[in-house]
Structures are given as C-alpha cells and as structure tokens.
C-alpha cells in the first residue's frame, strides 16, 4: 500500500480511473513476481548436508 501511495504522489493526477487501476495492477503483479522469485531461490541443500553430518556424528558416537 505504501508503494502505491508513493507512486501516486509522483504522478499526482490521473487522467481517468482506468489509469489509476492500471498502476495498481502493475504494482500488484510486480510484487507478486518478486515474491515468487524470492521463494524460488530458497536452497535447502545446505540444511540437508548439515543434517547428514549430524546424523554421521551421532552414528559414530554410538
């Protein structure tokens, strides 16, 4: 919501309601795409390696 307010202050006047709606839709799509990309790059491999190492250590100790 803050991003919409910030961008509308820059534009100041919209020629009609459809122009304002286009801006809001574009921002919503951009935010959604950024969120999807951030979730896509979450790499769980280091966690798997750490778990394997911990299990090896526990097996060696027993």
Protein backbone atom coordinates (compact mmCIF):
# COMPACT_ATOMS: atom_id res chain seq x y z
CA UNK A 1 0.00 0.00 0.00
CA UNK A 2 2.86 2.40 0.77
CA UNK A 3 4.36 1.81 -2.67
CA UNK A 4 1.05 2.71 -4.32
CA UNK A 5 0.86 5.91 -2.26
CA UNK A 6 4.44 6.80 -3.15
CA UNK A 7 3.93 6.31 -6.86
CA UNK A 8 0.61 8.12 -6.95
CA UNK A 9 2.24 11.13 -5.29
CA UNK A 10 4.75 11.25 -8.14
CA UNK A 11 2.03 11.10 -10.80
CA UNK A 12 -0.30 13.43 -8.81
CA UNK A 13 -3.17 13.44 -11.32
CA UNK A 14 -4.61 10.51 -13.23
CA UNK A 15 -6.48 11.25 -16.45
CA UNK A 16 -9.20 8.75 -15.50
CA UNK A 17 -9.92 5.88 -13.11
CA UNK A 18 -8.63 3.27 -15.56
CA UNK A 19 -5.13 4.79 -15.47
CA UNK A 20 -5.06 4.56 -11.69
CA UNK A 21 -6.28 0.96 -11.84
CA UNK A 22 -3.55 0.07 -14.37
CA UNK A 23 -0.89 1.42 -12.00
CA UNK A 24 -2.26 -0.55 -9.06
CA UNK A 25 -2.46 -3.75 -11.13
CA UNK A 26 1.11 -3.31 -12.39
CA UNK A 27 2.39 -2.85 -8.84
CA UNK A 28 0.47 -5.89 -7.61
CA UNK A 29 1.91 -8.04 -10.40
CA UNK A 30 5.43 -6.75 -9.74
CA UNK A 31 5.12 -7.51 -6.02
CA UNK A 32 3.76 -10.98 -6.75
CA UNK A 33 6.60 -11.75 -9.19
CA UNK A 34 9.22 -10.57 -6.69
CA UNK A 35 7.70 -12.81 -4.03
CA UNK A 36 7.65 -15.82 -6.38
CA UNK A 37 11.31 -15.27 -7.35
CA UNK A 38 12.37 -14.97 -3.72
CA UNK A 39 10.67 -18.26 -2.86
CA UNK A 40 12.16 -19.98 -5.92
CA UNK A 41 15.75 -19.32 -4.84
CA UNK A 42 15.40 -20.80 -1.37
CA UNK A 43 18.04 -23.53 -1.37
CA UNK A 44 17.60 -26.30 1.18
CA UNK A 45 20.76 -28.22 0.20
CA UNK A 46 22.99 -26.75 2.98
CA UNK A 47 20.39 -27.81 5.54
CA UNK A 48 20.34 -31.36 4.13
CA UNK A 49 24.13 -31.56 4.29
CA UNK A 50 24.16 -30.32 7.87
CA UNK A 51 21.55 -32.91 8.84
CA UNK A 52 23.57 -35.71 7.19
CA UNK A 53 26.71 -34.58 9.02
CA UNK A 54 24.88 -34.50 12.35
CA UNK A 55 23.49 -38.00 11.77
CA UNK A 56 27.00 -39.27 10.92
CA UNK A 57 28.40 -37.78 14.12
CA UNK A 58 25.61 -39.34 16.17
CA UNK A 59 26.25 -42.71 14.48
CA UNK A 60 30.00 -42.53 15.20
CA UNK A 61 29.39 -41.66 18.86
CA UNK A 62 27.15 -44.69 19.42
